[in-house]
């Protein structure tokens, strides 16, 4: 998948972007609009105005990787447009990428086990 190894943070850009933008244009959005570093250990997810397409930009330590997905016969689940980003868990990101409702994915909180002794 896209997140092969490593510890990535996943950020969902809340506002749609112009889908004519490529690596450079999306990097500029990440820096100027989102206030983040496109060359960090982060995955940035953008969506189209129609909601049926996403672009994902990630730095893999050798170059910027741009992934484009057009969801056939549906729309990606997205929150109402607002400024900034939402941080997703890897499970939420996988659900989003598959076209599922990522907001329904919640990690179960468990207490740390006591030491044997």
N, C-alpha and C. Protein backbone atom coordinates (compact mmCIF):
# COMPACT_ATOMS: atom_id res chain seq x y z
N UNK A 1 0.84 -1.19 0.00
CA UNK A 1 0.00 0.00 0.00
C UNK A 1 0.87 1.24 0.00
N UNK A 2 0.29 2.38 0.16
CA UNK A 2 1.00 3.65 0.08
C UNK A 2 1.92 3.82 1.28
N UNK A 3 1.49 3.43 2.46
CA UNK A 3 2.26 3.63 3.68
C UNK A 3 3.09 2.40 4.01
N UNK A 4 4.03 2.07 3.17
CA UNK A 4 4.84 0.88 3.43
C UNK A 4 5.92 1.21 4.45
N UNK A 5 5.76 0.69 5.65
CA UNK A 5 6.73 0.91 6.71
C UNK A 5 6.79 2.37 7.15
N UNK A 6 7.64 2.63 8.09
CA UNK A 6 7.79 4.01 8.57
C UNK A 6 6.62 4.44 9.42
N UNK A 7 6.80 5.54 10.10
CA UNK A 7 5.75 6.07 10.95
C UNK A 7 5.28 7.38 10.35
N UNK A 8 4.20 7.33 9.62
CA UNK A 8 3.68 8.50 8.94
C UNK A 8 2.50 9.09 9.71
N UNK A 9 2.38 10.41 9.63
CA UNK A 9 1.19 11.10 10.10
C UNK A 9 0.36 11.38 8.86
N UNK A 10 -0.95 11.21 8.94
CA UNK A 10 -1.83 11.41 7.80
C UNK A 10 -2.70 12.63 8.07
N UNK A 11 -2.65 13.60 7.16
CA UNK A 11 -3.42 14.83 7.29
C UNK A 11 -4.39 14.96 6.14
N UNK A 12 -5.64 15.16 6.46
CA UNK A 12 -6.71 15.35 5.50
C UNK A 12 -6.93 16.86 5.35
N UNK A 13 -6.70 17.40 4.16
CA UNK A 13 -6.94 18.82 3.91
C UNK A 13 -8.45 19.04 3.82
N UNK A 14 -8.94 19.97 4.60
CA UNK A 14 -10.39 20.15 4.71
C UNK A 14 -11.03 20.78 3.47
N UNK A 15 -10.33 21.70 2.82
CA UNK A 15 -10.90 22.38 1.66
C UNK A 15 -10.48 21.67 0.37
N UNK A 16 -11.37 21.63 -0.62
CA UNK A 16 -10.98 21.04 -1.91
C UNK A 16 -9.88 21.86 -2.57
N UNK A 17 -9.10 21.20 -3.43
CA UNK A 17 -8.03 21.88 -4.16
C UNK A 17 -8.27 21.76 -5.66
N UNK A 18 -7.61 22.62 -6.39
CA UNK A 18 -7.62 22.58 -7.85
C UNK A 18 -6.87 21.32 -8.29
N UNK A 19 -7.54 20.42 -8.98
CA UNK A 19 -6.93 19.15 -9.34
C UNK A 19 -5.99 19.24 -10.53
N UNK A 20 -5.74 20.43 -11.03
CA UNK A 20 -4.68 20.64 -12.03
C UNK A 20 -3.32 20.70 -11.35
N UNK A 21 -3.31 20.88 -10.03
CA UNK A 21 -2.04 20.99 -9.30
C UNK A 21 -1.34 19.63 -9.25
N UNK A 22 -0.03 19.70 -9.42
CA UNK A 22 0.82 18.52 -9.31
C UNK A 22 1.65 18.58 -8.05
N UNK A 23 2.83 17.95 -8.10
CA UNK A 23 3.73 17.91 -6.95
C UNK A 23 4.04 19.30 -6.40
N UNK A 24 4.46 20.19 -7.27
CA UNK A 24 4.89 21.53 -6.85
C UNK A 24 3.73 22.34 -6.30
N UNK A 25 2.61 22.35 -7.00
CA UNK A 25 1.45 23.12 -6.55
C UNK A 25 0.90 22.63 -5.23
N UNK A 26 0.84 21.31 -5.04
CA UNK A 26 0.34 20.77 -3.78
C UNK A 26 1.33 21.01 -2.64
N UNK A 27 2.63 20.95 -2.95
CA UNK A 27 3.64 21.27 -1.94
C UNK A 27 3.49 22.71 -1.47
N UNK A 28 3.20 23.60 -2.41
CA UNK A 28 3.00 25.00 -2.05
C UNK A 28 1.76 25.18 -1.17
N UNK A 29 0.68 24.45 -1.47
CA UNK A 29 -0.52 24.48 -0.63
C UNK A 29 -0.19 23.98 0.79
N UNK A 30 0.58 22.91 0.87
CA UNK A 30 0.95 22.36 2.17
C UNK A 30 1.72 23.39 2.99
N UNK A 31 2.64 24.10 2.33
CA UNK A 31 3.46 25.09 3.04
C UNK A 31 2.69 26.35 3.39
N UNK A 32 2.00 26.93 2.42
CA UNK A 32 1.40 28.25 2.62
C UNK A 32 0.01 28.21 3.24
N UNK A 33 -0.80 27.25 2.87
CA UNK A 33 -2.18 27.19 3.37
C UNK A 33 -2.28 26.35 4.64
N UNK A 34 -1.63 25.19 4.63
CA UNK A 34 -1.74 24.27 5.78
C UNK A 34 -0.66 24.53 6.82
N UNK A 35 0.39 25.27 6.45
CA UNK A 35 1.45 25.59 7.40
C UNK A 35 2.27 24.39 7.84
N UNK A 36 2.46 23.44 6.94
CA UNK A 36 3.20 22.21 7.26
C UNK A 36 4.34 22.02 6.26
N UNK A 37 5.20 21.08 6.56
CA UNK A 37 6.37 20.78 5.73
C UNK A 37 6.04 19.59 4.83
N UNK A 38 6.01 19.79 3.50
CA UNK A 38 5.70 18.67 2.60
C UNK A 38 6.78 17.59 2.58
N UNK A 39 7.97 17.90 3.11
CA UNK A 39 9.08 16.95 3.12
C UNK A 39 9.25 16.29 4.49
N UNK A 40 8.20 16.25 5.26
CA UNK A 40 8.23 15.60 6.57
C UNK A 40 7.68 14.18 6.44
N UNK A 41 7.66 13.48 7.54
CA UNK A 41 7.09 12.12 7.55
C UNK A 41 5.58 12.22 7.67
N UNK A 42 4.95 12.81 6.65
CA UNK A 42 3.51 13.00 6.68
C UNK A 42 2.92 12.70 5.31
N UNK A 43 1.70 12.25 5.34
CA UNK A 43 0.92 12.00 4.13
C UNK A 43 -0.17 13.06 4.09
N UNK A 44 -0.30 13.75 2.97
CA UNK A 44 -1.29 14.80 2.82
C UNK A 44 -2.32 14.35 1.79
N UNK A 45 -3.58 14.39 2.18
CA UNK A 45 -4.67 13.92 1.34
C UNK A 45 -5.54 15.12 0.96
N UNK A 46 -5.78 15.28 -0.35
CA UNK A 46 -6.58 16.37 -0.88
C UNK A 46 -7.76 15.79 -1.66
N UNK A 47 -8.85 16.55 -1.75
CA UNK A 47 -10.01 16.07 -2.50
C UNK A 47 -10.47 17.11 -3.50
N UNK A 48 -11.21 16.62 -4.49
CA UNK A 48 -11.76 17.49 -5.52
C UNK A 48 -13.08 18.09 -5.05
N UNK A 49 -13.55 19.09 -5.76
CA UNK A 49 -14.83 19.71 -5.41
C UNK A 49 -15.98 18.72 -5.57
N UNK A 50 -15.88 17.82 -6.53
CA UNK A 50 -16.94 16.84 -6.75
C UNK A 50 -16.94 15.74 -5.69
N UNK A 51 -15.80 15.54 -5.02
CA UNK A 51 -15.72 14.55 -3.95
C UNK A 51 -15.47 13.13 -4.41
N UNK A 52 -15.28 12.93 -5.70
CA UNK A 52 -15.06 11.57 -6.21
C UNK A 52 -13.58 11.28 -6.51
N UNK A 53 -12.70 12.25 -6.26
CA UNK A 53 -11.28 12.09 -6.55
C UNK A 53 -10.45 12.58 -5.36
N UNK A 54 -9.34 11.89 -5.13
CA UNK A 54 -8.39 12.34 -4.12
C UNK A 54 -6.99 12.32 -4.72
N UNK A 55 -6.14 13.19 -4.18
CA UNK A 55 -4.71 13.18 -4.47
C UNK A 55 -3.99 13.07 -3.14
N UNK A 56 -2.96 12.26 -3.13
CA UNK A 56 -2.19 12.01 -1.93
C UNK A 56 -0.74 12.35 -2.23
N UNK A 57 -0.14 13.17 -1.38
CA UNK A 57 1.25 13.56 -1.57
C UNK A 57 2.05 13.15 -0.34
N UNK A 58 3.16 12.46 -0.58
CA UNK A 58 4.01 12.00 0.51
C UNK A 58 5.47 12.04 0.06
N UNK A 59 6.35 12.43 0.97
CA UNK A 59 7.79 12.40 0.75
C UNK A 59 8.30 11.06 1.26
N UNK A 60 8.95 10.27 0.41
CA UNK A 60 9.40 8.93 0.83
C UNK A 60 10.91 8.87 1.06
N UNK A 61 11.52 10.00 1.33
CA UNK A 61 12.97 10.16 1.57
C UNK A 61 13.80 10.13 0.30
N UNK A 62 13.18 9.87 -0.85
CA UNK A 62 13.91 9.94 -2.13
C UNK A 62 13.22 10.87 -3.12
N UNK A 63 11.97 11.17 -2.89
CA UNK A 63 11.22 12.05 -3.78
C UNK A 63 9.78 12.17 -3.32
N UNK A 64 9.08 13.10 -3.95
CA UNK A 64 7.65 13.28 -3.66
C UNK A 64 6.85 12.27 -4.47
N UNK A 65 5.96 11.57 -3.81
CA UNK A 65 5.10 10.58 -4.46
C UNK A 65 3.69 11.17 -4.51
N UNK A 66 3.11 11.17 -5.70
CA UNK A 66 1.76 11.68 -5.89
C UNK A 66 0.87 10.54 -6.35
N UNK A 67 -0.18 10.29 -5.59
CA UNK A 67 -1.14 9.23 -5.92
C UNK A 67 -2.47 9.90 -6.22
N UNK A 68 -3.11 9.45 -7.30
CA UNK A 68 -4.40 10.00 -7.72
C UNK A 68 -5.39 8.85 -7.77
N UNK A 69 -6.55 9.04 -7.17
CA UNK A 69 -7.58 7.99 -7.24
C UNK A 69 -8.92 8.61 -7.56
N UNK A 70 -9.59 8.02 -8.55
CA UNK A 70 -10.94 8.42 -8.93
C UNK A 70 -11.86 7.29 -8.50
N UNK A 71 -12.76 7.57 -7.60
CA UNK A 71 -13.69 6.57 -7.08
C UNK A 71 -14.85 6.43 -8.06
N UNK A 72 -15.00 5.28 -8.63
CA UNK A 72 -16.06 5.04 -9.61
C UNK A 72 -17.39 4.80 -8.91
N UNK A 73 -18.40 5.56 -9.29
CA UNK A 73 -19.75 5.33 -8.78
C UNK A 73 -19.97 5.73 -7.34
N UNK A 74 -19.25 6.71 -6.86
CA UNK A 74 -19.45 7.14 -5.48
C UNK A 74 -18.61 8.34 -5.15
N UNK A 75 -18.64 8.72 -3.89
CA UNK A 75 -17.86 9.85 -3.41
C UNK A 75 -17.12 9.45 -2.14
N UNK A 76 -15.97 10.07 -1.95
CA UNK A 76 -15.23 9.87 -0.71
C UNK A 76 -15.95 10.60 0.41
N UNK A 77 -15.93 10.01 1.60
CA UNK A 77 -16.53 10.63 2.77
C UNK A 77 -15.62 11.76 3.24
N UNK A 78 -16.17 12.96 3.33
CA UNK A 78 -15.37 14.12 3.70
C UNK A 78 -16.15 15.01 4.65
N UNK A 79 -15.48 15.59 5.64
CA UNK A 79 -16.18 16.52 6.53
C UNK A 79 -16.54 17.81 5.79
N UNK A 80 -17.36 18.64 6.42
CA UNK A 80 -17.73 19.93 5.84
C UNK A 80 -16.47 20.78 5.63
N UNK A 81 -16.42 21.55 4.53
CA UNK A 81 -15.24 22.39 4.28
C UNK A 81 -14.97 23.35 5.44
N UNK A 82 -13.72 23.43 5.81
CA UNK A 82 -13.26 24.34 6.86
C UNK A 82 -11.77 24.56 6.61
N UNK A 83 -11.17 25.43 7.38
CA UNK A 83 -9.74 25.66 7.25
C UNK A 83 -8.96 24.57 7.97
N UNK A 84 -7.75 24.33 7.50
CA UNK A 84 -6.86 23.42 8.20
C UNK A 84 -6.95 21.97 7.77
N UNK A 85 -6.55 21.11 8.68
CA UNK A 85 -6.48 19.67 8.41
C UNK A 85 -7.10 18.88 9.56
N UNK A 86 -7.34 17.61 9.28
CA UNK A 86 -7.74 16.64 10.29
C UNK A 86 -6.69 15.54 10.24
N UNK A 87 -6.25 15.09 11.41
CA UNK A 87 -5.27 14.01 11.47
C UNK A 87 -6.01 12.68 11.51
N UNK A 88 -5.61 11.75 10.64
CA UNK A 88 -6.23 10.44 10.57
C UNK A 88 -5.29 9.37 11.10
N UNK A 89 -5.87 8.31 11.62
CA UNK A 89 -5.09 7.13 11.99
C UNK A 89 -4.82 6.33 10.72
N UNK A 90 -3.84 5.41 10.74
CA UNK A 90 -3.62 4.56 9.57
C UNK A 90 -4.87 3.78 9.16
N UNK A 91 -5.65 3.31 10.13
CA UNK A 91 -6.87 2.56 9.82
C UNK A 91 -7.91 3.46 9.14
N UNK A 92 -8.05 4.70 9.62
CA UNK A 92 -8.97 5.64 8.99
C UNK A 92 -8.53 5.96 7.57
N UNK A 93 -7.22 6.15 7.39
CA UNK A 93 -6.69 6.43 6.05
C UNK A 93 -6.98 5.28 5.10
N UNK A 94 -6.76 4.05 5.54
CA UNK A 94 -7.04 2.88 4.70
C UNK A 94 -8.51 2.83 4.32
N UNK A 95 -9.38 3.13 5.26
CA UNK A 95 -10.82 3.14 4.98
C UNK A 95 -11.17 4.21 3.96
N UNK A 96 -10.62 5.41 4.16
CA UNK A 96 -10.85 6.51 3.22
C UNK A 96 -10.41 6.11 1.82
N UNK A 97 -9.22 5.54 1.70
CA UNK A 97 -8.67 5.16 0.40
C UNK A 97 -9.54 4.12 -0.29
N UNK A 98 -10.18 3.25 0.48
CA UNK A 98 -11.07 2.23 -0.08
C UNK A 98 -12.46 2.76 -0.40
N UNK A 99 -12.72 4.03 -0.05
CA UNK A 99 -14.03 4.61 -0.32
C UNK A 99 -15.04 4.35 0.77
N UNK A 100 -14.58 3.90 1.94
CA UNK A 100 -15.46 3.62 3.07
C UNK A 100 -15.61 4.86 3.94
N UNK A 101 -16.54 4.82 4.88
CA UNK A 101 -16.73 5.92 5.80
C UNK A 101 -15.68 5.83 6.90
N UNK A 102 -14.59 6.57 6.75
CA UNK A 102 -13.47 6.52 7.69
C UNK A 102 -13.85 7.04 9.07
N UNK A 103 -14.92 7.85 9.15
CA UNK A 103 -15.32 8.41 10.44
C UNK A 103 -15.88 7.33 11.37
N UNK A 104 -16.27 6.19 10.80
CA UNK A 104 -16.82 5.10 11.60
C UNK A 104 -15.72 4.21 12.18
N UNK A 105 -14.48 4.40 11.76
CA UNK A 105 -13.36 3.59 12.24
C UNK A 105 -12.81 4.21 13.51
N UNK A 106 -12.90 3.48 14.60
CA UNK A 106 -12.41 3.97 15.88
C UNK A 106 -11.57 2.88 16.54
N UNK A 107 -10.44 3.31 17.06
CA UNK A 107 -9.59 2.36 17.77
C UNK A 107 -10.18 2.08 19.15
N UNK A 108 -10.09 0.84 19.55
CA UNK A 108 -10.57 0.46 20.87
C UNK A 108 -9.48 0.75 21.89
N UNK A 109 -9.80 1.49 22.91
CA UNK A 109 -8.82 1.82 23.94
C UNK A 109 -8.72 0.66 24.92
N UNK A 110 -7.51 0.25 25.18
CA UNK A 110 -7.27 -0.84 26.13
C UNK A 110 -6.27 -0.36 27.18
N UNK A 111 -6.45 -0.86 28.37
CA UNK A 111 -5.51 -0.53 29.44
C UNK A 111 -4.23 -1.31 29.23
N UNK A 112 -3.14 -0.70 29.66
CA UNK A 112 -1.85 -1.36 29.57
C UNK A 112 -1.85 -2.54 30.54
N UNK A 113 -1.38 -3.71 30.11
CA UNK A 113 -1.35 -4.86 31.02
C UNK A 113 -0.38 -4.64 32.17
N UNK A 114 -0.71 -5.24 33.30
CA UNK A 114 0.19 -5.16 34.45
C UNK A 114 1.36 -6.12 34.23
N UNK A 115 2.47 -5.77 34.81
CA UNK A 115 3.66 -6.63 34.68
C UNK A 115 3.43 -7.94 35.41
N UNK A 116 3.90 -8.99 34.80
CA UNK A 116 3.79 -10.30 35.44
C UNK A 116 4.76 -10.34 36.61
N UNK A 117 4.37 -10.95 37.63
CA UNK A 117 5.34 -10.96 38.70
C UNK A 117 4.91 -11.61 39.88
